[in-house]
Amino acid sequence: MIAQVVLSLLLGIVLLYAWAQYRRSPIVTILSCVVSLMGFYFVWLPSHATRVAEFVGIGRGADLVLYVWACISLVVLLNLHLKLRTQHELLTKTALFTYLARLMSSLNVKFRDEAGG
């Protein structure tokens, strides 16, 4: 019973945080809410997790939860990797643009000085 209460509190925090982030990413919020609600369901009715696990060919409900958690974690890591890569590319383009702008500015100043302007 204590574990169910603790897990429910943690899932409730995830649910609230996901809902607070709805403006930024509605799809992630909806998926997080669905997963949290499924988590509530399986925390309070663990025998149903075992039934679902047996239906899909996994022996125990705990194993099913572990496999699903591992898959979700991998998707989250892939998403973070792709976002980090996008940010890195954006930073590289910004640095290149800044360098070229400064180079053009210094060449323009040198050209004006040599032209007698």
PDB file of N, CA and C in Angstrom:
ATOM      1  N   MET A   1       0.824  -1.198   0.000  1.00  0.00           N
ATOM      2  CA  MET A   1       0.000   0.000   0.000  1.00  0.00           C
ATOM      3  C   MET A   1       0.866   1.259   0.000  1.00  0.00           C
ATOM      4  N   ILE A   2       1.963   1.235   0.750  1.00  0.00           N
ATOM      5  CA  ILE A   2       2.850   2.402   0.808  1.00  0.00           C
ATOM      6  C   ILE A   2       3.465   2.653  -0.570  1.00  0.00           C
ATOM      7  N   ALA A   3       3.897   1.579  -1.230  1.00  0.00           N
ATOM      8  CA  ALA A   3       4.481   1.725  -2.563  1.00  0.00           C
ATOM      9  C   ALA A   3       3.465   2.301  -3.539  1.00  0.00           C
ATOM     10  N   GLN A   4       2.221   1.893  -3.439  1.00  0.00           N
ATOM     11  CA  GLN A   4       1.185   2.406  -4.329  1.00  0.00           C
ATOM     12  C   GLN A   4       0.977   3.899  -4.121  1.00  0.00           C
ATOM     13  N   VAL A   5       1.017   4.342  -2.873  1.00  0.00           N
ATOM     14  CA  VAL A   5       0.840   5.774  -2.586  1.00  0.00           C
ATOM     15  C   VAL A   5       2.030   6.569  -3.114  1.00  0.00           C
ATOM     16  N   VAL A   6       3.243   6.062  -2.866  1.00  0.00           N
ATOM     17  CA  VAL A   6       4.445   6.774  -3.338  1.00  0.00           C
ATOM     18  C   VAL A   6       4.452   6.841  -4.866  1.00  0.00           C
ATOM     19  N   LEU A   7       4.177   5.718  -5.523  1.00  0.00           N
ATOM     20  CA  LEU A   7       4.150   5.718  -6.990  1.00  0.00           C
ATOM     21  C   LEU A   7       3.047   6.621  -7.529  1.00  0.00           C
ATOM     22  N   SER A   8       1.920   6.649  -6.849  1.00  0.00           N
ATOM     23  CA  SER A   8       0.826   7.528  -7.271  1.00  0.00           C
ATOM     24  C   SER A   8       1.220   8.991  -7.146  1.00  0.00           C
ATOM     25  N   LEU A   9       1.926   9.342  -6.072  1.00  0.00           N
ATOM     26  CA  LEU A   9       2.399  10.729  -5.923  1.00  0.00           C
ATOM     27  C   LEU A   9       3.369  11.093  -7.042  1.00  0.00           C
ATOM     28  N   LEU A  10       4.294  10.193  -7.345  1.00  0.00           N
ATOM     29  CA  LEU A  10       5.247  10.462  -8.419  1.00  0.00           C
ATOM     30  C   LEU A  10       4.550  10.591  -9.771  1.00  0.00           C
ATOM     31  N   LEU A  11       3.613   9.715 -10.035  1.00  0.00           N
ATOM     32  CA  LEU A  11       2.861   9.810 -11.294  1.00  0.00           C
ATOM     33  C   LEU A  11       2.016  11.077 -11.344  1.00  0.00           C
ATOM     34  N   GLY A  12       1.487  11.487 -10.199  1.00  0.00           N
ATOM     35  CA  GLY A  12       0.732  12.741 -10.137  1.00  0.00           C
ATOM     36  C   GLY A  12       1.605  13.945 -10.449  1.00  0.00           C
ATOM     37  N   ILE A  13       2.843  13.917  -9.959  1.00  0.00           N
ATOM     38  CA  ILE A  13       3.786  15.010 -10.255  1.00  0.00           C
ATOM     39  C   ILE A  13       4.091  15.044 -11.747  1.00  0.00           C
ATOM     40  N   VAL A  14       4.299  13.872 -12.331  1.00  0.00           N
ATOM     41  CA  VAL A  14       4.550  13.806 -13.782  1.00  0.00           C
ATOM     42  C   VAL A  14       3.348  14.347 -14.546  1.00  0.00           C
ATOM     43  N   LEU A  15       2.177  13.988 -14.099  1.00  0.00           N
ATOM     44  CA  LEU A  15       0.946  14.443 -14.756  1.00  0.00           C
ATOM     45  C   LEU A  15       0.809  15.966 -14.680  1.00  0.00           C
ATOM     46  N   LEU A  16       1.059  16.523 -13.515  1.00  0.00           N
ATOM     47  CA  LEU A  16       0.970  17.981 -13.356  1.00  0.00           C
ATOM     48  C   LEU A  16       2.033  18.705 -14.190  1.00  0.00           C
ATOM     49  N   TYR A  17       3.252  18.189 -14.166  1.00  0.00           N
ATOM     50  CA  TYR A  17       4.323  18.820 -14.945  1.00  0.00           C
ATOM     51  C   TYR A  17       4.013  18.760 -16.440  1.00  0.00           C
ATOM     52  N   ALA A  18       3.530  17.609 -16.889  1.00  0.00           N
ATOM     53  CA  ALA A  18       3.196  17.472 -18.312  1.00  0.00           C
ATOM     54  C   ALA A  18       2.101  18.458 -18.691  1.00  0.00           C
ATOM     55  N   TRP A  19       1.096  18.588 -17.853  1.00  0.00           N
ATOM     56  CA  TRP A  19       0.000  19.500 -18.151  1.00  0.00           C
ATOM     57  C   TRP A  19       0.486  20.953 -18.179  1.00  0.00           C
ATOM     58  N   ALA A  20       1.431  21.285 -17.310  1.00  0.00           N
ATOM     59  CA  ALA A  20       1.978  22.652 -17.281  1.00  0.00           C
ATOM     60  C   ALA A  20       2.765  22.970 -18.550  1.00  0.00           C
ATOM     61  N   GLN A  21       3.271  21.942 -19.227  1.00  0.00           N
ATOM     62  CA  GLN A  21       4.073  22.140 -20.443  1.00  0.00           C
ATOM     63  C   GLN A  21       3.242  22.022 -21.722  1.00  0.00           C
ATOM     64  N   TYR A  22       1.930  22.075 -21.598  1.00  0.00           N
ATOM     65  CA  TYR A  22       1.054  21.853 -22.750  1.00  0.00           C
ATOM     66  C   TYR A  22       1.312  22.851 -23.874  1.00  0.00           C
ATOM     67  N   ARG A  23       1.556  24.105 -23.533  1.00  0.00           N
ATOM     68  CA  ARG A  23       1.777  25.119 -24.589  1.00  0.00           C
ATOM     69  C   ARG A  23       3.017  24.832 -25.408  1.00  0.00           C
ATOM     70  N   ARG A  24       4.071  24.369 -24.744  1.00  0.00           N
ATOM     71  CA  ARG A  24       5.325  24.129 -25.444  1.00  0.00           C
ATOM     72  C   ARG A  24       5.251  22.925 -26.376  1.00  0.00           C
ATOM     73  N   SER A  25       4.635  21.863 -25.887  1.00  0.00           N
ATOM     74  CA  SER A  25       4.615  20.630 -26.667  1.00  0.00           C
ATOM     75  C   SER A  25       3.350  19.839 -26.373  1.00  0.00           C
ATOM     76  N   PRO A  26       2.282  20.122 -27.103  1.00  0.00           N
ATOM     77  CA  PRO A  26       1.025  19.429 -26.839  1.00  0.00           C
ATOM     78  C   PRO A  26       1.093  17.918 -27.036  1.00  0.00           C
ATOM     79  N   ILE A  27       1.830  17.460 -28.030  1.00  0.00           N
ATOM     80  CA  ILE A  27       1.907  16.026 -28.297  1.00  0.00           C
ATOM     81  C   ILE A  27       2.586  15.298 -27.137  1.00  0.00           C
ATOM     82  N   VAL A  28       3.709  15.859 -26.671  1.00  0.00           N
ATOM     83  CA  VAL A  28       4.420  15.245 -25.551  1.00  0.00           C
ATOM     84  C   VAL A  28       3.545  15.263 -24.305  1.00  0.00           C
ATOM     85  N   THR A  29       2.796  16.357 -24.110  1.00  0.00           N
ATOM     86  CA  THR A  29       1.901  16.445 -22.950  1.00  0.00           C
ATOM     87  C   THR A  29       0.838  15.365 -23.003  1.00  0.00           C
ATOM     88  N   ILE A  30       0.231  15.194 -24.152  1.00  0.00           N
ATOM     89  CA  ILE A  30      -0.827  14.182 -24.275  1.00  0.00           C
ATOM     90  C   ILE A  30      -0.265  12.784 -24.040  1.00  0.00           C
ATOM     91  N   LEU A  31       0.888  12.486 -24.637  1.00  0.00           N
ATOM     92  CA  LEU A  31       1.496  11.176 -24.436  1.00  0.00           C
ATOM     93  C   LEU A  31       1.888  10.956 -22.979  1.00  0.00           C
ATOM     94  N   SER A  32       2.439  11.986 -22.343  1.00  0.00           N
ATOM     95  CA  SER A  32       2.822  11.873 -20.936  1.00  0.00           C
ATOM     96  C   SER A  32       1.608  11.648 -20.057  1.00  0.00           C
ATOM     97  N   CYS A  33       0.530  12.330 -20.352  1.00  0.00           N
ATOM     98  CA  CYS A  33      -0.699  12.153 -19.571  1.00  0.00           C
ATOM     99  C   CYS A  33      -1.258  10.749 -19.745  1.00  0.00           C
ATOM    100  N   VAL A  34      -1.245  10.242 -20.971  1.00  0.00           N
ATOM    101  CA  VAL A  34      -1.748   8.885 -21.220  1.00  0.00           C
ATOM    102  C   VAL A  34      -0.898   7.858 -20.472  1.00  0.00           C
ATOM    103  N   VAL A  35       0.416   8.001 -20.557  1.00  0.00           N
ATOM    104  CA  VAL A  35       1.303   7.059 -19.874  1.00  0.00           C
ATOM    105  C   VAL A  35       1.135   7.165 -18.355  1.00  0.00           C
ATOM    106  N   SER A  36       0.993   8.373 -17.837  1.00  0.00           N
ATOM    107  CA  SER A  36       0.793   8.546 -16.392  1.00  0.00           C
ATOM    108  C   SER A  36      -0.515   7.912 -15.942  1.00  0.00           C
ATOM    109  N   LEU A  37      -1.564   8.111 -16.707  1.00  0.00           N
ATOM    110  CA  LEU A  37      -2.846   7.523 -16.341  1.00  0.00           C
ATOM    111  C   LEU A  37      -2.802   5.990 -16.417  1.00  0.00           C
ATOM    112  N   MET A  38      -2.104   5.464 -17.417  1.00  0.00           N
ATOM    113  CA  MET A  38      -1.913   4.015 -17.470  1.00  0.00           C
ATOM    114  C   MET A  38      -1.104   3.535 -16.270  1.00  0.00           C
ATOM    115  N   GLY A  39      -0.126   4.335 -15.876  1.00  0.00           N
ATOM    116  CA  GLY A  39       0.666   4.010 -14.691  1.00  0.00           C
ATOM    117  C   GLY A  39      -0.200   3.945 -13.448  1.00  0.00           C
ATOM    118  N   PHE A  40      -1.091   4.943 -13.278  1.00  0.00           N
ATOM    119  CA  PHE A  40      -2.034   4.917 -12.149  1.00  0.00           C
ATOM    120  C   PHE A  40      -2.856   3.625 -12.176  1.00  0.00           C
ATOM    121  N   TYR A  41      -3.356   3.297 -13.343  1.00  0.00           N
ATOM    122  CA  TYR A  41      -4.204   2.114 -13.486  1.00  0.00           C
ATOM    123  C   TYR A  41      -3.464   0.842 -13.055  1.00  0.00           C
ATOM    124  N   PHE A  42      -2.227   0.694 -13.561  1.00  0.00           N
ATOM    125  CA  PHE A  42      -1.478  -0.520 -13.251  1.00  0.00           C
ATOM    126  C   PHE A  42      -0.936  -0.525 -11.823  1.00  0.00           C
ATOM    127  N   VAL A  43      -0.681   0.656 -11.239  1.00  0.00           N
ATOM    128  CA  VAL A  43      -0.244   0.704  -9.844  1.00  0.00           C
ATOM    129  C   VAL A  43      -1.353   0.219  -8.930  1.00  0.00           C
ATOM    130  N   TRP A  44      -2.569   0.647  -9.208  1.00  0.00           N
ATOM    131  CA  TRP A  44      -3.680   0.295  -8.317  1.00  0.00           C
ATOM    132  C   TRP A  44      -4.339  -1.034  -8.679  1.00  0.00           C
ATOM    133  N   LEU A  45      -4.128  -1.512  -9.897  1.00  0.00           N
ATOM    134  CA  LEU A  45      -4.662  -2.819 -10.303  1.00  0.00           C
ATOM    135  C   LEU A  45      -3.550  -3.639 -10.963  1.00  0.00           C
ATOM    136  N   PRO A  46      -2.550  -4.067 -10.177  1.00  0.00           N
ATOM    137  CA  PRO A  46      -1.398  -4.765 -10.773  1.00  0.00           C
ATOM    138  C   PRO A  46      -1.767  -6.090 -11.445  1.00  0.00           C
ATOM    139  N   SER A  47      -2.845  -6.701 -11.037  1.00  0.00           N
ATOM    140  CA  SER A  47      -3.229  -7.961 -11.681  1.00  0.00           C
ATOM    141  C   SER A  47      -3.606  -7.737 -13.145  1.00  0.00           C
ATOM    142  N   HIS A  48      -4.086  -6.552 -13.457  1.00  0.00           N
ATOM    143  CA  HIS A  48      -4.430  -6.243 -14.849  1.00  0.00           C
ATOM    144  C   HIS A  48      -3.167  -6.112 -15.702  1.00  0.00           C
ATOM    145  N   ALA A  49      -2.077  -5.614 -15.091  1.00  0.00           N
ATOM    146  CA  ALA A  49      -0.802  -5.541 -15.817  1.00  0.00           C
ATOM    147  C   ALA A  49      -0.341  -6.948 -16.182  1.00  0.00           C
ATOM    148  N   THR A  50      -0.547  -7.893 -15.274  1.00  0.00           N
ATOM    149  CA  THR A  50      -0.174  -9.274 -15.557  1.00  0.00           C
ATOM    150  C   THR A  50      -1.039  -9.853 -16.666  1.00  0.00           C
ATOM    151  N   ARG A  51      -2.311  -9.537 -16.655  1.00  0.00           N
ATOM    152  CA  ARG A  51      -3.198 -10.025 -17.729  1.00  0.00           C
ATOM    153  C   ARG A  51      -2.783  -9.476 -19.091  1.00  0.00           C
ATOM    154  N   VAL A  52      -2.480  -8.190 -19.130  1.00  0.00           N
ATOM    155  CA  VAL A  52      -2.043  -7.577 -20.397  1.00  0.00           C
ATOM    156  C   VAL A  52      -0.724  -8.189 -20.834  1.00  0.00           C
ATOM    157  N   ALA A  53       0.186  -8.395 -19.885  1.00  0.00           N
ATOM    158  CA  ALA A  53       1.486  -8.993 -20.206  1.00  0.00           C
ATOM    159  C   ALA A  53       1.313 -10.394 -20.783  1.00  0.00           C
ATOM    160  N   GLU A  54       0.450 -11.193 -20.174  1.00  0.00           N
ATOM    161  CA  GLU A  54       0.203 -12.536 -20.687  1.00  0.00           C
ATOM    162  C   GLU A  54      -0.444 -12.483 -22.068  1.00  0.00           C
ATOM    163  N   PHE A  55      -1.293 -11.492 -22.292  1.00  0.00           N
ATOM    164  CA  PHE A  55      -1.955 -11.356 -23.590  1.00  0.00           C
ATOM    165  C   PHE A  55      -0.953 -11.073 -24.705  1.00  0.00           C
ATOM    166  N   VAL A  56       0.063 -10.260 -24.418  1.00  0.00           N
ATOM    167  CA  VAL A  56       1.046  -9.904 -25.451  1.00  0.00           C
ATOM    168  C   VAL A  56       2.245 -10.846 -25.461  1.00  0.00           C
ATOM    169  N   GLY A  57       2.232 -11.862 -24.583  1.00  0.00           N
ATOM    170  CA  GLY A  57       3.275 -12.877 -24.639  1.00  0.00           C
ATOM    171  C   GLY A  57       4.426 -12.657 -23.676  1.00  0.00           C
ATOM    172  N   ILE A  58       4.246 -11.812 -22.688  1.00  0.00           N
ATOM    173  CA  ILE A  58       5.262 -11.591 -21.659  1.00  0.00           C
ATOM    174  C   ILE A  58       4.705 -12.206 -20.381  1.00  0.00           C
ATOM    175  N   GLY A  59       5.570 -12.855 -19.616  1.00  0.00           N
ATOM    176  CA  GLY A  59       5.092 -13.609 -18.477  1.00  0.00           C
ATOM    177  C   GLY A  59       4.487 -12.802 -17.342  1.00  0.00           C
ATOM    178  N   ARG A  60       5.136 -11.728 -16.936  1.00  0.00           N
ATOM    179  CA  ARG A  60       4.679 -10.994 -15.755  1.00  0.00           C
ATOM    180  C   ARG A  60       4.395  -9.538 -16.097  1.00  0.00           C
ATOM    181  N   GLY A  61       3.517  -8.939 -15.309  1.00  0.00           N
ATOM    182  CA  GLY A  61       3.200  -7.529 -15.493  1.00  0.00           C
ATOM    183  C   GLY A  61       4.382  -6.631 -15.211  1.00  0.00           C
ATOM    184  N   ALA A  62       5.210  -7.016 -14.232  1.00  0.00           N
ATOM    185  CA  ALA A  62       6.402  -6.222 -13.911  1.00  0.00           C
ATOM    186  C   ALA A  62       7.362  -6.182 -15.098  1.00  0.00           C
ATOM    187  N   ASP A  63       7.490  -7.311 -15.786  1.00  0.00           N
ATOM    188  CA  ASP A  63       8.353  -7.337 -16.973  1.00  0.00           C
ATOM    189  C   ASP A  63       7.801  -6.435 -18.071  1.00  0.00           C
ATOM    190  N   LEU A  64       6.497  -6.464 -18.244  1.00  0.00           N
ATOM    191  CA  LEU A  64       5.869  -5.602 -19.247  1.00  0.00           C
ATOM    192  C   LEU A  64       6.146  -4.135 -18.943  1.00  0.00           C
ATOM    193  N   VAL A  65       5.977  -3.745 -17.687  1.00  0.00           N
ATOM    194  CA  VAL A  65       6.223  -2.356 -17.286  1.00  0.00           C
ATOM    195  C   VAL A  65       7.684  -1.991 -17.527  1.00  0.00           C
ATOM    196  N   LEU A  66       8.590  -2.899 -17.203  1.00  0.00           N
ATOM    197  CA  LEU A  66      10.018  -2.641 -17.417  1.00  0.00           C
ATOM    198  C   LEU A  66      10.332  -2.474 -18.901  1.00  0.00           C
ATOM    199  N   TYR A  67       9.781  -3.320 -19.751  1.00  0.00           N
ATOM    200  CA  TYR A  67      10.040  -3.229 -21.192  1.00  0.00           C
ATOM    201  C   TYR A  67       9.477  -1.932 -21.776  1.00  0.00           C
ATOM    202  N   VAL A  68       8.279  -1.583 -21.361  1.00  0.00           N
ATOM    203  CA  VAL A  68       7.666  -0.346 -21.855  1.00  0.00           C
ATOM    204  C   VAL A  68       8.479   0.856 -21.388  1.00  0.00           C
ATOM    205  N   TRP A  69       8.916   0.818 -20.122  1.00  0.00           N
ATOM    206  CA  TRP A  69       9.726   1.922 -19.594  1.00  0.00           C
ATOM    207  C   TRP A  69      11.028   2.053 -20.382  1.00  0.00           C
ATOM    208  N   ALA A  70      11.679   0.937 -20.692  1.00  0.00           N
ATOM    209  CA  ALA A  70      12.924   0.976 -21.459  1.00  0.00           C
ATOM    210  C   ALA A  70      12.689   1.573 -22.848  1.00  0.00           C
ATOM    211  N   CYS A  71      11.601   1.187 -23.495  1.00  0.00           N
ATOM    212  CA  CYS A  71      11.292   1.731 -24.827  1.00  0.00           C
ATOM    213  C   CYS A  71      11.024   3.234 -24.764  1.00  0.00           C
ATOM    214  N   ILE A  72      10.252   3.655 -23.786  1.00  0.00           N
ATOM    215  CA  ILE A  72       9.959   5.089 -23.642  1.00  0.00           C
ATOM    216  C   ILE A  72      11.245   5.859 -23.373  1.00  0.00           C
ATOM    217  N   SER A  73      12.120   5.309 -22.538  1.00  0.00           N
ATOM    218  CA  SER A  73      13.394   5.966 -22.238  1.00  0.00           C
ATOM    219  C   SER A  73      14.251   6.119 -23.492  1.00  0.00           C
ATOM    220  N   LEU A  74      14.270   5.097 -24.325  1.00  0.00           N
ATOM    221  CA  LEU A  74      15.047   5.184 -25.564  1.00  0.00           C
ATOM    222  C   LEU A  74      14.488   6.250 -26.503  1.00  0.00           C
ATOM    223  N   VAL A  75      13.177   6.342 -26.590  1.00  0.00           N
ATOM    224  CA  VAL A  75      12.562   7.374 -27.430  1.00  0.00           C
ATOM    225  C   VAL A  75      12.899   8.765 -26.897  1.00  0.00           C
ATOM    226  N   VAL A  76      12.862   8.928 -25.585  1.00  0.00           N
ATOM    227  CA  VAL A  76      13.196  10.218 -24.974  1.00  0.00           C
ATOM    228  C   VAL A  76      14.652  10.567 -25.242  1.00  0.00           C
ATOM    229  N   LEU A  77      15.550   9.597 -25.098  1.00  0.00           N
ATOM    230  CA  LEU A  77      16.965   9.856 -25.383  1.00  0.00           C
ATOM    231  C   LEU A  77      17.195  10.224 -26.841  1.00  0.00           C
ATOM    232  N   LEU A  78      16.516   9.548 -27.748  1.00  0.00           N
ATOM    233  CA  LEU A  78      16.637   9.886 -29.167  1.00  0.00           C
ATOM    234  C   LEU A  78      16.141  11.301 -29.417  1.00  0.00           C
ATOM    235  N   ASN A  79      15.023  11.660 -28.813  1.00  0.00           N
ATOM    236  CA  ASN A  79      14.477  13.000 -28.972  1.00  0.00           C
ATOM    237  C   ASN A  79      15.455  14.049 -28.448  1.00  0.00           C
ATOM    238  N   LEU A  80      16.038  13.803 -27.282  1.00  0.00           N
ATOM    239  CA  LEU A  80      17.014  14.751 -26.735  1.00  0.00           C
ATOM    240  C   LEU A  80      18.238  14.854 -27.629  1.00  0.00           C
ATOM    241  N   HIS A  81      18.688  13.728 -28.162  1.00  0.00           N
ATOM    242  CA  HIS A  81      19.838  13.749 -29.067  1.00  0.00           C
ATOM    243  C   HIS A  81      19.551  14.591 -30.307  1.00  0.00           C
ATOM    244  N   LEU A  82      18.384  14.406 -30.891  1.00  0.00           N
ATOM    245  CA  LEU A  82      18.037  15.162 -32.095  1.00  0.00           C
ATOM    246  C   LEU A  82      17.919  16.652 -31.802  1.00  0.00           C
ATOM    247  N   LYS A  83      17.341  17.001 -30.648  1.00  0.00           N
ATOM    248  CA  LYS A  83      17.244  18.415 -30.288  1.00  0.00           C
ATOM    249  C   LYS A  83      18.624  19.018 -30.041  1.00  0.00           C
ATOM    250  N   LEU A  84      19.490  18.275 -29.380  1.00  0.00           N
ATOM    251  CA  LEU A  84      20.847  18.758 -29.128  1.00  0.00           C
ATOM    252  C   LEU A  84      21.601  18.948 -30.439  1.00  0.00           C
ATOM    253  N   ARG A  85      21.425  18.027 -31.349  1.00  0.00           N
ATOM    254  CA  ARG A  85      22.084  18.140 -32.655  1.00  0.00           C
ATOM    255  C   ARG A  85      21.578  19.368 -33.416  1.00  0.00           C
ATOM    256  N   THR A  86      20.282  19.619 -33.376  1.00  0.00           N
ATOM    257  CA  THR A  86      19.710  20.797 -34.030  1.00  0.00           C
ATOM    258  C   THR A  86      20.269  22.079 -33.421  1.00  0.00           C
ATOM    259  N   GLN A  87      20.359  22.108 -32.095  1.00  0.00           N
ATOM    260  CA  GLN A  87      20.914  23.286 -31.428  1.00  0.00           C
ATOM    261  C   GLN A  87      22.378  23.487 -31.802  1.00  0.00           C
ATOM    262  N   HIS A  88      23.133  22.402 -31.913  1.00  0.00           N
ATOM    263  CA  HIS A  88      24.534  22.503 -32.296  1.00  0.00           C
ATOM    264  C   HIS A  88      24.675  23.068 -33.713  1.00  0.00           C
ATOM    265  N   GLU A  89      23.844  22.600 -34.626  1.00  0.00           N
ATOM    266  CA  GLU A  89      23.884  23.117 -35.994  1.00  0.00           C
ATOM    267  C   GLU A  89      23.511  24.594 -36.039  1.00  0.00           C
ATOM    268  N   LEU A  90      22.526  24.983 -35.252  1.00  0.00           N
ATOM    269  CA  LEU A  90      22.119  26.386 -35.191  1.00  0.00           C
ATOM    270  C   LEU A  90      23.237  27.247 -34.627  1.00  0.00           C
ATOM    271  N   LEU A  91      23.917  26.757 -33.593  1.00  0.00           N
ATOM    272  CA  LEU A  91      25.026  27.505 -33.008  1.00  0.00           C
ATOM    273  C   LEU A  91      26.171  27.643 -34.005  1.00  0.00           C
ATOM    274  N   THR A  92      26.432  26.591 -34.766  1.00  0.00           N
ATOM    275  CA  THR A  92      27.480  26.642 -35.776  1.00  0.00           C
ATOM    276  C   THR A  92      27.145  27.676 -36.855  1.00  0.00           C
ATOM    277  N   LYS A  93      25.907  27.692 -37.319  1.00  0.00           N
ATOM    278  CA  LYS A  93      25.499  28.675 -38.332  1.00  0.00           C
ATOM    279  C   LYS A  93      25.573  30.096 -37.782  1.00  0.00           C
ATOM    280  N   THR A  94      25.191  30.278 -36.533  1.00  0.00           N
ATOM    281  CA  THR A  94      25.241  31.602 -35.920  1.00  0.00           C
ATOM    282  C   THR A  94      26.687  32.084 -35.807  1.00  0.00           C
ATOM    283  N   ALA A  95      27.571  31.190 -35.392  1.00  0.00           N
ATOM    284  CA  ALA A  95      28.985  31.570 -35.278  1.00  0.00           C
ATOM    285  C   ALA A  95      29.568  31.911 -36.644  1.00  0.00           C
ATOM    286  N   LEU A  96      29.231  31.141 -37.662  1.00  0.00           N
ATOM    287  CA  LEU A  96      29.721  31.415 -39.010  1.00  0.00           C
ATOM    288  C   LEU A  96      29.188  32.753 -39.519  1.00  0.00           C
ATOM    289  N   PHE A  97      27.904  33.008 -39.303  1.00  0.00           N
ATOM    290  CA  PHE A  97      27.311  34.263 -39.733  1.00  0.00           C
ATOM    291  C   PHE A  97      27.982  35.456 -39.028  1.00  0.00           C
ATOM    292  N   THR A  98      28.222  35.322 -37.730  1.00  0.00           N
ATOM    293  CA  THR A  98      28.874  36.395 -36.970  1.00  0.00           C
ATOM    294  C   THR A  98      30.285  36.633 -37.489  1.00  0.00           C
ATOM    295  N   TYR A  99      31.021  35.552 -37.741  1.00  0.00           N
ATOM    296  CA  TYR A  99      32.376  35.680 -38.265  1.00  0.00           C
ATOM    297  C   TYR A  99      32.375  36.375 -39.619  1.00  0.00           C
ATOM    298  N   LEU A 100      31.487  35.942 -40.510  1.00  0.00           N
ATOM    299  CA  LEU A 100      31.434  36.554 -41.841  1.00  0.00           C
ATOM    300  C   LEU A 100      31.005  38.015 -41.780  1.00  0.00           C
ATOM    301  N   ALA A 101      30.085  38.348 -40.880  1.00  0.00           N
ATOM    302  CA  ALA A 101      29.653  39.732 -40.744  1.00  0.00           C
ATOM    303  C   ALA A 101      30.796  40.607 -40.252  1.00  0.00           C
ATOM    304  N   ARG A 102      31.559  40.113 -39.299  1.00  0.00           N
ATOM    305  CA  ARG A 102      32.715  40.889 -38.802  1.00  0.00           C
ATOM    306  C   ARG A 102      33.787  41.007 -39.870  1.00  0.00           C
ATOM    307  N   LEU A 103      34.007  39.937 -40.630  1.00  0.00           N
ATOM    308  CA  LEU A 103      34.997  39.968 -41.701  1.00  0.00           C
ATOM    309  C   LEU A 103      34.595  40.980 -42.761  1.00  0.00           C
ATOM    310  N   MET A 104      33.342  40.956 -43.172  1.00  0.00           N
ATOM    311  CA  MET A 104      32.877  41.920 -44.176  1.00  0.00           C
ATOM    312  C   MET A 104      32.971  43.344 -43.645  1.00  0.00           C
ATOM    313  N   SER A 105      32.655  43.527 -42.381  1.00  0.00           N
ATOM    314  CA  SER A 105      32.733  44.854 -41.785  1.00  0.00           C
ATOM    315  C   SER A 105      34.169  45.360 -41.767  1.00  0.00           C
ATOM    316  N   SER A 106      35.115  44.499 -41.403  1.00  0.00           N
ATOM    317  CA  SER A 106      36.518  44.939 -41.363  1.00  0.00           C
ATOM    318  C   SER A 106      37.057  45.165 -42.763  1.00  0.00           C
ATOM    319  N   LEU A 107      36.654  44.350 -43.739  1.00  0.00           N
ATOM    320  CA  LEU A 107      37.090  44.560 -45.117  1.00  0.00           C
ATOM    321  C   LEU A 107      36.508  45.856 -45.672  1.00  0.00           C
ATOM    322  N   ASN A 108      35.277  46.169 -45.328  1.00  0.00           N
ATOM    323  CA  ASN A 108      34.647  47.397 -45.768  1.00  0.00           C
ATOM    324  C   ASN A 108      35.378  48.605 -45.191  1.00  0.00           C
ATOM    325  N   VAL A 109      35.768  48.543 -43.927  1.00  0.00           N
ATOM    326  CA  VAL A 109      36.510  49.645 -43.301  1.00  0.00           C
ATOM    327  C   VAL A 109      37.866  49.790 -43.958  1.00  0.00           C
ATOM    328  N   LYS A 110      38.581  48.723 -44.208  1.00  0.00           N
ATOM    329  CA  LYS A 110      39.906  48.776 -44.862  1.00  0.00           C
ATOM    330  C   LYS A 110      39.776  49.315 -46.270  1.00  0.00           C
ATOM    331  N   PHE A 111      38.754  48.908 -47.018  1.00  0.00           N
ATOM    332  CA  PHE A 111      38.557  49.375 -48.378  1.00  0.00           C
ATOM    333  C   PHE A 111      38.302  50.888 -48.390  1.00  0.00           C
ATOM    334  N   ARG A 112      37.506  51.380 -47.458  1.00  0.00           N
ATOM    335  CA  ARG A 112      37.219  52.811 -47.381  1.00  0.00           C
ATOM    336  C   ARG A 112      38.483  53.608 -47.078  1.00  0.00           C
ATOM    337  N   ASP A 113      39.322  53.067 -46.161  1.00  0.00           N
ATOM    338  CA  ASP A 113      40.556  53.757 -45.805  1.00  0.00           C
ATOM    339  C   ASP A 113      41.503  53.809 -46.989  1.00  0.00           C
ATOM    340  N   GLU A 114      41.615  52.728 -47.749  1.00  0.00           N
ATOM    341  CA  GLU A 114      42.510  52.697 -48.894  1.00  0.00           C
ATOM    342  C   GLU A 114      41.974  53.542 -50.045  1.00  0.00           C
ATOM    343  N   ALA A 115      40.671  53.687 -50.136  1.00  0.00           N
ATOM    344  CA  ALA A 115      40.083  54.440 -51.219  1.00  0.00           C
ATOM    345  C   ALA A 115      40.122  55.949 -50.924  1.00  0.00           C
ATOM    346  N   GLY A 116      40.514  56.275 -49.710  1.00  0.00           N
ATOM    347  CA  GLY A 116      40.630  57.690 -49.375  1.00  0.00           C
ATOM    348  C   GLY A 116      39.336  58.263 -48.830  1.00  0.00           C
ATOM    349  N   GLY A 117      38.436  57.413 -48.361  1.00  0.00           N
ATOM    350  CA  GLY A 117      37.128  57.835 -47.890  1.00  0.00           C
ATOM    351  C   GLY A 117      37.107  57.963 -46.443  1.00  0.00           C
TER     352      GLY A 117
END
